[in-house]
Amino acid sequence: MDISEISVIAIDLDGTLLRSDSTLSDRSIKAIEQCVIQGLHIVIATARPFLSAKQRLSKVRTSKLYYICSNGAAIYQEDQPIYIDSIDAIVAQECIDIFYSHELDFVISVEVACTGNLYTNRKDNPDDSLFEVIDLRSIPVSYTHLRAHETS
């Protein structure tokens, strides 16, 4: 394959692009910026919700990034959602209730799309300051677009 035929580069965040302390190296930042300047499309693919992924790339000086987030449930072009597959709020709340009622060892992160808030029942990664630790049963079911994903 001729390298000039490449038009898209998809990169995972955790364990790939991010260092062990969840930061980007200056070398990675420059490489992403140079790829965009050369006309390549950079796609960040991650299990993280959009706001968390975007925060990790905040030092990259370009807005021309694509994000596949929440294990594929949300796709963004720059800051604009182009695909969202939300779990119905009532179904998400029922699942959360089951986890709590069975006293399972779990970590669930929930993104409330209409407010942009990120919640989790437990922080396994204290470095992610965007998440508020709460009893997830307290999220109002009136929010119509919850995106929940199991993180561990």
N, C-alpha and C. Protein backbone atom coordinates (compact mmCIF):
# COMPACT_ATOMS: atom_id res chain seq x y z
N MET A 1 0.84 -1.18 0.00
CA MET A 1 0.00 0.00 0.00
C MET A 1 0.88 1.24 0.00
N ASP A 2 0.54 2.17 -0.86
CA ASP A 2 1.23 3.45 -0.95
C ASP A 2 0.69 4.34 0.17
N ILE A 3 1.58 4.92 0.96
CA ILE A 3 1.16 5.75 2.10
C ILE A 3 0.31 6.95 1.65
N SER A 4 0.46 7.37 0.41
CA SER A 4 -0.33 8.50 -0.09
C SER A 4 -1.80 8.12 -0.26
N GLU A 5 -2.13 6.83 -0.21
CA GLU A 5 -3.51 6.38 -0.31
C GLU A 5 -4.27 6.48 1.01
N ILE A 6 -3.57 6.75 2.11
CA ILE A 6 -4.20 6.84 3.42
C ILE A 6 -4.91 8.18 3.55
N SER A 7 -6.17 8.14 3.93
CA SER A 7 -6.92 9.38 4.12
C SER A 7 -7.50 9.51 5.52
N VAL A 8 -7.59 8.38 6.26
CA VAL A 8 -8.17 8.37 7.60
C VAL A 8 -7.26 7.58 8.53
N ILE A 9 -7.04 8.14 9.71
CA ILE A 9 -6.30 7.43 10.75
C ILE A 9 -7.21 7.37 11.97
N ALA A 10 -7.53 6.16 12.42
CA ALA A 10 -8.35 5.96 13.62
C ALA A 10 -7.44 5.52 14.75
N ILE A 11 -7.59 6.18 15.90
CA ILE A 11 -6.70 5.95 17.03
C ILE A 11 -7.52 5.74 18.30
N ASP A 12 -7.20 4.68 19.03
CA ASP A 12 -7.78 4.46 20.36
C ASP A 12 -7.09 5.38 21.35
N LEU A 13 -7.77 5.72 22.43
CA LEU A 13 -7.16 6.58 23.44
C LEU A 13 -6.43 5.79 24.52
N ASP A 14 -7.19 5.13 25.37
CA ASP A 14 -6.62 4.47 26.54
C ASP A 14 -5.77 3.27 26.14
N GLY A 15 -4.52 3.29 26.58
CA GLY A 15 -3.61 2.21 26.27
C GLY A 15 -2.95 2.32 24.90
N THR A 16 -3.29 3.35 24.15
CA THR A 16 -2.71 3.53 22.81
C THR A 16 -2.15 4.95 22.68
N LEU A 17 -3.01 5.93 22.48
CA LEU A 17 -2.56 7.30 22.29
C LEU A 17 -2.17 7.96 23.61
N LEU A 18 -2.93 7.67 24.67
CA LEU A 18 -2.65 8.29 25.96
C LEU A 18 -1.55 7.52 26.69
N ARG A 19 -0.74 8.27 27.41
CA ARG A 19 0.28 7.64 28.26
C ARG A 19 -0.40 7.05 29.49
N SER A 20 0.35 6.37 30.33
CA SER A 20 -0.22 5.70 31.51
C SER A 20 -0.85 6.69 32.49
N ASP A 21 -0.47 7.96 32.42
CA ASP A 21 -1.09 8.96 33.30
C ASP A 21 -2.26 9.68 32.61
N SER A 22 -2.75 9.13 31.51
CA SER A 22 -3.90 9.64 30.75
C SER A 22 -3.66 10.99 30.10
N THR A 23 -2.40 11.31 29.80
CA THR A 23 -2.08 12.55 29.10
C THR A 23 -1.49 12.22 27.73
N LEU A 24 -1.49 13.23 26.87
CA LEU A 24 -0.89 13.11 25.54
C LEU A 24 0.54 13.63 25.58
N SER A 25 1.43 12.96 24.92
CA SER A 25 2.80 13.48 24.81
C SER A 25 2.82 14.61 23.80
N ASP A 26 3.81 15.49 23.91
CA ASP A 26 3.97 16.58 22.93
C ASP A 26 4.16 16.00 21.53
N ARG A 27 4.86 14.87 21.45
CA ARG A 27 5.09 14.22 20.16
C ARG A 27 3.77 13.79 19.51
N SER A 28 2.88 13.22 20.31
CA SER A 28 1.58 12.79 19.78
C SER A 28 0.74 13.99 19.35
N ILE A 29 0.77 15.05 20.14
CA ILE A 29 0.02 16.27 19.79
C ILE A 29 0.50 16.80 18.45
N LYS A 30 1.81 16.92 18.28
CA LYS A 30 2.37 17.44 17.03
C LYS A 30 2.03 16.51 15.85
N ALA A 31 2.08 15.21 16.08
CA ALA A 31 1.78 14.26 15.00
C ALA A 31 0.33 14.41 14.54
N ILE A 32 -0.60 14.54 15.48
CA ILE A 32 -2.01 14.72 15.12
C ILE A 32 -2.19 16.01 14.34
N GLU A 33 -1.61 17.09 14.84
CA GLU A 33 -1.73 18.38 14.16
C GLU A 33 -1.15 18.33 12.75
N GLN A 34 0.00 17.67 12.57
CA GLN A 34 0.62 17.56 11.24
C GLN A 34 -0.24 16.72 10.29
N CYS A 35 -0.82 15.66 10.80
CA CYS A 35 -1.70 14.84 9.96
C CYS A 35 -2.89 15.65 9.45
N VAL A 36 -3.48 16.44 10.33
CA VAL A 36 -4.62 17.28 9.93
C VAL A 36 -4.18 18.31 8.89
N ILE A 37 -3.02 18.93 9.11
CA ILE A 37 -2.49 19.92 8.15
C ILE A 37 -2.29 19.27 6.78
N GLN A 38 -1.88 18.00 6.76
CA GLN A 38 -1.64 17.29 5.50
C GLN A 38 -2.94 16.76 4.89
N GLY A 39 -4.08 17.06 5.52
CA GLY A 39 -5.36 16.68 4.93
C GLY A 39 -5.91 15.33 5.36
N LEU A 40 -5.27 14.69 6.33
CA LEU A 40 -5.77 13.41 6.82
C LEU A 40 -6.90 13.64 7.82
N HIS A 41 -7.85 12.73 7.84
CA HIS A 41 -8.93 12.77 8.82
C HIS A 41 -8.50 11.93 10.01
N ILE A 42 -8.54 12.54 11.20
CA ILE A 42 -8.17 11.84 12.42
C ILE A 42 -9.45 11.48 13.17
N VAL A 43 -9.59 10.19 13.48
CA VAL A 43 -10.75 9.69 14.20
C VAL A 43 -10.28 9.14 15.54
N ILE A 44 -10.82 9.67 16.61
CA ILE A 44 -10.54 9.17 17.94
C ILE A 44 -11.62 8.15 18.27
N ALA A 45 -11.22 6.92 18.52
CA ALA A 45 -12.18 5.84 18.82
C ALA A 45 -11.95 5.41 20.27
N THR A 46 -13.01 5.48 21.07
CA THR A 46 -12.84 5.22 22.50
C THR A 46 -14.13 4.77 23.16
N ALA A 47 -13.99 4.12 24.29
CA ALA A 47 -15.15 3.79 25.12
C ALA A 47 -15.60 5.00 25.92
N ARG A 48 -14.75 5.99 26.02
CA ARG A 48 -15.08 7.19 26.81
C ARG A 48 -16.24 7.97 26.18
N PRO A 49 -17.00 8.68 27.03
CA PRO A 49 -18.00 9.61 26.47
C PRO A 49 -17.29 10.78 25.79
N PHE A 50 -18.00 11.48 24.94
CA PHE A 50 -17.43 12.55 24.13
C PHE A 50 -16.68 13.59 24.97
N LEU A 51 -17.31 14.11 26.02
CA LEU A 51 -16.68 15.19 26.79
C LEU A 51 -15.36 14.74 27.41
N SER A 52 -15.28 13.50 27.84
CA SER A 52 -14.05 12.98 28.40
C SER A 52 -12.97 12.84 27.33
N ALA A 53 -13.36 12.32 26.17
CA ALA A 53 -12.40 12.19 25.06
C ALA A 53 -11.90 13.56 24.61
N LYS A 54 -12.82 14.49 24.48
CA LYS A 54 -12.45 15.84 24.04
C LYS A 54 -11.50 16.50 25.04
N GLN A 55 -11.76 16.29 26.33
CA GLN A 55 -10.88 16.86 27.35
C GLN A 55 -9.46 16.33 27.21
N ARG A 56 -9.30 15.05 26.91
CA ARG A 56 -7.97 14.46 26.77
C ARG A 56 -7.22 15.05 25.58
N LEU A 57 -7.94 15.56 24.59
CA LEU A 57 -7.30 16.12 23.39
C LEU A 57 -7.31 17.66 23.39
N SER A 58 -7.55 18.25 24.53
CA SER A 58 -7.69 19.71 24.59
C SER A 58 -6.44 20.48 24.18
N LYS A 59 -5.27 19.85 24.26
CA LYS A 59 -4.04 20.54 23.87
C LYS A 59 -3.75 20.46 22.38
N VAL A 60 -4.51 19.66 21.66
CA VAL A 60 -4.33 19.56 20.21
C VAL A 60 -4.95 20.80 19.58
N ARG A 61 -4.14 21.52 18.79
CA ARG A 61 -4.59 22.79 18.21
C ARG A 61 -5.26 22.58 16.85
N THR A 62 -6.35 21.89 16.89
CA THR A 62 -7.20 21.75 15.71
C THR A 62 -8.57 21.35 16.20
N SER A 63 -9.57 21.80 15.51
CA SER A 63 -10.93 21.36 15.84
C SER A 63 -11.40 20.31 14.84
N LYS A 64 -10.53 19.98 13.89
CA LYS A 64 -10.92 19.06 12.82
C LYS A 64 -10.67 17.61 13.20
N LEU A 65 -11.34 17.17 14.25
CA LEU A 65 -11.22 15.79 14.69
C LEU A 65 -12.60 15.13 14.66
N TYR A 66 -12.60 13.85 14.45
CA TYR A 66 -13.81 13.05 14.55
C TYR A 66 -13.67 12.18 15.79
N TYR A 67 -14.79 11.91 16.44
CA TYR A 67 -14.79 11.09 17.65
C TYR A 67 -15.83 9.98 17.51
N ILE A 68 -15.41 8.75 17.74
CA ILE A 68 -16.34 7.64 17.92
C ILE A 68 -16.25 7.31 19.40
N CYS A 69 -17.32 7.61 20.13
CA CYS A 69 -17.28 7.53 21.59
C CYS A 69 -18.29 6.54 22.15
N SER A 70 -18.20 6.31 23.44
CA SER A 70 -19.14 5.44 24.15
C SER A 70 -19.27 4.08 23.45
N ASN A 71 -18.12 3.52 23.10
CA ASN A 71 -18.08 2.21 22.41
C ASN A 71 -18.91 2.21 21.13
N GLY A 72 -18.91 3.31 20.41
CA GLY A 72 -19.61 3.38 19.13
C GLY A 72 -21.02 3.93 19.22
N ALA A 73 -21.50 4.25 20.42
CA ALA A 73 -22.87 4.75 20.56
C ALA A 73 -23.02 6.22 20.18
N ALA A 74 -21.91 6.93 20.03
CA ALA A 74 -21.97 8.34 19.67
C ALA A 74 -20.82 8.68 18.73
N ILE A 75 -21.13 9.40 17.68
CA ILE A 75 -20.12 9.83 16.72
C ILE A 75 -20.24 11.34 16.54
N TYR A 76 -19.10 12.02 16.64
CA TYR A 76 -19.07 13.47 16.52
C TYR A 76 -18.10 13.88 15.42
N GLN A 77 -18.48 14.92 14.69
CA GLN A 77 -17.57 15.58 13.75
C GLN A 77 -17.29 16.93 14.38
N GLU A 78 -16.06 17.10 14.82
CA GLU A 78 -15.68 18.25 15.64
C GLU A 78 -16.56 18.24 16.88
N ASP A 79 -17.39 19.24 17.12
CA ASP A 79 -18.25 19.26 18.31
C ASP A 79 -19.69 18.87 18.00
N GLN A 80 -19.97 18.52 16.77
CA GLN A 80 -21.35 18.25 16.37
C GLN A 80 -21.64 16.75 16.34
N PRO A 81 -22.69 16.32 17.05
CA PRO A 81 -23.05 14.90 16.97
C PRO A 81 -23.60 14.57 15.59
N ILE A 82 -23.13 13.48 15.01
CA ILE A 82 -23.66 13.06 13.71
C ILE A 82 -24.36 11.70 13.82
N TYR A 83 -24.18 11.04 14.97
CA TYR A 83 -24.89 9.78 15.23
C TYR A 83 -24.93 9.58 16.74
N ILE A 84 -26.11 9.33 17.27
CA ILE A 84 -26.27 9.04 18.69
C ILE A 84 -27.23 7.86 18.82
N ASP A 85 -26.79 6.84 19.52
CA ASP A 85 -27.65 5.69 19.80
C ASP A 85 -27.83 5.63 21.31
N SER A 86 -28.83 6.31 21.80
CA SER A 86 -29.05 6.42 23.24
C SER A 86 -29.87 5.26 23.77
N ILE A 87 -29.59 4.91 25.00
CA ILE A 87 -30.41 3.94 25.71
C ILE A 87 -31.59 4.71 26.28
N ASP A 88 -32.78 4.18 26.11
CA ASP A 88 -33.95 4.81 26.69
C ASP A 88 -33.72 5.03 28.19
N ALA A 89 -34.08 6.20 28.70
CA ALA A 89 -33.81 6.55 30.09
C ALA A 89 -34.42 5.57 31.07
N ILE A 90 -35.62 5.11 30.80
CA ILE A 90 -36.27 4.17 31.72
C ILE A 90 -35.53 2.83 31.72
N VAL A 91 -35.13 2.37 30.57
CA VAL A 91 -34.38 1.11 30.48
C VAL A 91 -33.04 1.25 31.20
N ALA A 92 -32.36 2.36 30.98
CA ALA A 92 -31.07 2.58 31.65
C ALA A 92 -31.26 2.59 33.16
N GLN A 93 -32.30 3.26 33.63
CA GLN A 93 -32.54 3.31 35.07
C GLN A 93 -32.87 1.94 35.63
N GLU A 94 -33.63 1.14 34.88
CA GLU A 94 -33.95 -0.23 35.32
C GLU A 94 -32.66 -1.06 35.44
N CYS A 95 -31.77 -0.93 34.50
CA CYS A 95 -30.49 -1.66 34.56
C CYS A 95 -29.68 -1.22 35.77
N ILE A 96 -29.61 0.05 36.00
CA ILE A 96 -28.88 0.58 37.15
C ILE A 96 -29.48 0.05 38.44
N ASP A 97 -30.81 0.03 38.53
CA ASP A 97 -31.47 -0.50 39.73
C ASP A 97 -31.12 -1.97 39.96
N ILE A 98 -31.04 -2.74 38.89
CA ILE A 98 -30.68 -4.17 39.01
C ILE A 98 -29.27 -4.32 39.56
N PHE A 99 -28.32 -3.54 39.04
CA PHE A 99 -26.95 -3.63 39.54
C PHE A 99 -26.89 -3.34 41.03
N TYR A 100 -27.58 -2.25 41.45
CA TYR A 100 -27.56 -1.90 42.87
C TYR A 100 -28.28 -2.96 43.71
N SER A 101 -29.42 -3.44 43.25
CA SER A 101 -30.22 -4.37 44.07
C SER A 101 -29.51 -5.71 44.27
N HIS A 102 -28.67 -6.10 43.33
CA HIS A 102 -27.93 -7.36 43.46
C HIS A 102 -26.55 -7.16 44.09
N GLU A 103 -26.27 -5.93 44.49
CA GLU A 103 -25.00 -5.59 45.16
C GLU A 103 -23.79 -6.10 44.38
N LEU A 104 -23.84 -5.90 43.07
CA LEU A 104 -22.75 -6.33 42.20
C LEU A 104 -21.59 -5.35 42.29
N ASP A 105 -20.40 -5.84 42.03
CA ASP A 105 -19.23 -4.98 41.94
C ASP A 105 -19.18 -4.45 40.51
N PHE A 106 -19.53 -3.20 40.32
CA PHE A 106 -19.64 -2.66 38.98
C PHE A 106 -19.21 -1.20 38.94
N VAL A 107 -18.86 -0.77 37.75
CA VAL A 107 -18.62 0.64 37.48
C VAL A 107 -19.43 0.96 36.24
N ILE A 108 -20.32 1.91 36.37
CA ILE A 108 -21.09 2.39 35.22
C ILE A 108 -20.93 3.89 35.15
N SER A 109 -20.70 4.37 33.95
CA SER A 109 -20.65 5.80 33.70
C SER A 109 -21.87 6.17 32.87
N VAL A 110 -22.47 7.29 33.19
CA VAL A 110 -23.67 7.73 32.50
C VAL A 110 -23.45 9.15 32.02
N GLU A 111 -23.75 9.37 30.75
CA GLU A 111 -23.70 10.71 30.18
C GLU A 111 -25.13 11.16 29.97
N VAL A 112 -25.52 12.26 30.59
CA VAL A 112 -26.86 12.81 30.40
C VAL A 112 -26.73 13.80 29.26
N ALA A 113 -27.14 13.37 28.08
CA ALA A 113 -26.88 14.12 26.85
C ALA A 113 -27.51 15.51 26.86
N CYS A 114 -28.69 15.64 27.44
CA CYS A 114 -29.36 16.94 27.37
C CYS A 114 -28.71 17.98 28.27
N THR A 115 -27.89 17.55 29.24
CA THR A 115 -27.20 18.50 30.12
C THR A 115 -25.70 18.48 29.93
N GLY A 116 -25.18 17.39 29.34
CA GLY A 116 -23.74 17.26 29.18
C GLY A 116 -23.04 16.80 30.45
N ASN A 117 -23.81 16.42 31.47
CA ASN A 117 -23.21 15.97 32.72
C ASN A 117 -22.76 14.51 32.61
N LEU A 118 -21.67 14.19 33.30
CA LEU A 118 -21.13 12.84 33.33
C LEU A 118 -21.13 12.35 34.77
N TYR A 119 -21.70 11.17 34.98
CA TYR A 119 -21.79 10.61 36.32
C TYR A 119 -21.22 9.20 36.33
N THR A 120 -20.77 8.78 37.48
CA THR A 120 -20.31 7.41 37.67
C THR A 120 -20.61 7.00 39.10
N ASN A 121 -20.73 5.72 39.31
CA ASN A 121 -20.96 5.25 40.68
C ASN A 121 -19.65 5.08 41.44
N ARG A 122 -18.52 4.99 40.71
CA ARG A 122 -17.23 4.81 41.37
C ARG A 122 -16.14 5.26 40.41
N LYS A 123 -15.19 6.01 40.92
CA LYS A 123 -14.07 6.44 40.08
C LYS A 123 -12.92 5.47 40.23
N ASP A 124 -12.69 4.68 39.20
CA ASP A 124 -11.50 3.83 39.18
C ASP A 124 -10.31 4.59 38.64
N ASN A 125 -10.60 5.68 37.95
CA ASN A 125 -9.54 6.51 37.38
C ASN A 125 -9.71 7.92 37.96
N PRO A 126 -9.08 8.23 39.10
CA PRO A 126 -9.29 9.52 39.77
C PRO A 126 -8.88 10.70 38.92
N ASP A 127 -8.16 10.45 37.84
CA ASP A 127 -7.67 11.50 36.99
C ASP A 127 -8.76 12.09 36.09
N ASP A 128 -9.92 11.46 36.01
CA ASP A 128 -10.98 11.95 35.14
C ASP A 128 -11.92 12.86 35.92
N SER A 129 -11.58 14.13 35.95
CA SER A 129 -12.28 15.11 36.78
C SER A 129 -13.67 15.46 36.27
N LEU A 130 -14.03 15.07 35.06
CA LEU A 130 -15.34 15.43 34.52
C LEU A 130 -16.48 14.64 35.16
N PHE A 131 -16.17 13.49 35.73
CA PHE A 131 -17.21 12.62 36.28
C PHE A 131 -17.51 12.97 37.72
N GLU A 132 -18.80 13.08 38.03
CA GLU A 132 -19.24 13.26 39.40
C GLU A 132 -19.67 11.89 39.93
N VAL A 133 -19.15 11.52 41.09
CA VAL A 133 -19.53 10.24 41.70
C VAL A 133 -20.84 10.44 42.46
N ILE A 134 -21.85 9.66 42.08
CA ILE A 134 -23.15 9.74 42.73
C ILE A 134 -23.77 8.35 42.78
N ASP A 135 -24.84 8.22 43.54
CA ASP A 135 -25.68 7.04 43.48
C ASP A 135 -26.50 7.21 42.20
N LEU A 136 -26.22 6.39 41.20
CA LEU A 136 -26.83 6.58 39.88
C LEU A 136 -28.34 6.46 39.89
N ARG A 137 -28.90 5.90 40.96
CA ARG A 137 -30.36 5.81 41.06
C ARG A 137 -30.99 7.18 41.26
N SER A 138 -30.17 8.19 41.57
CA SER A 138 -30.70 9.53 41.82
C SER A 138 -30.84 10.37 40.56
N ILE A 139 -30.40 9.87 39.41
CA ILE A 139 -30.55 10.62 38.16
C ILE A 139 -32.02 10.64 37.77
N PRO A 140 -32.59 11.81 37.54
CA PRO A 140 -34.02 11.86 37.18
C PRO A 140 -34.30 11.12 35.88
N VAL A 141 -35.29 10.26 35.89
CA VAL A 141 -35.67 9.50 34.71
C VAL A 141 -36.26 10.42 33.64
N SER A 142 -36.61 11.64 34.02
CA SER A 142 -37.18 12.56 33.05
C SER A 142 -36.20 12.94 31.94
N TYR A 143 -34.88 12.70 32.17
CA TYR A 143 -33.92 12.91 31.09
C TYR A 143 -34.18 11.85 30.03
N THR A 144 -34.39 12.26 28.82
CA THR A 144 -34.81 11.31 27.80
C THR A 144 -33.67 10.65 27.05
N HIS A 145 -32.46 11.13 27.23
CA HIS A 145 -31.35 10.55 26.47
C HIS A 145 -30.18 10.26 27.40
N LEU A 146 -30.21 9.11 28.02
CA LEU A 146 -29.08 8.66 28.82
C LEU A 146 -28.23 7.76 27.96
N ARG A 147 -26.93 7.93 28.03
CA ARG A 147 -26.03 6.98 27.40
C ARG A 147 -25.27 6.32 28.54
N ALA A 148 -25.53 5.08 28.75
CA ALA A 148 -24.85 4.34 29.82
C ALA A 148 -23.99 3.28 29.19
N HIS A 149 -22.82 3.11 29.74
CA HIS A 149 -21.98 2.01 29.25
C HIS A 149 -21.21 1.44 30.43
N GLU A 150 -21.09 0.14 30.41
CA GLU A 150 -20.33 -0.52 31.45
C GLU A 150 -18.86 -0.24 31.19
N THR A 151 -18.15 0.15 32.23
CA THR A 151 -16.74 0.49 32.04
C THR A 151 -15.80 -0.52 32.66
N SER A 152 -16.33 -1.52 33.30
CA SER A 152 -15.43 -2.53 33.86
C SER A 152 -16.20 -3.79 34.17
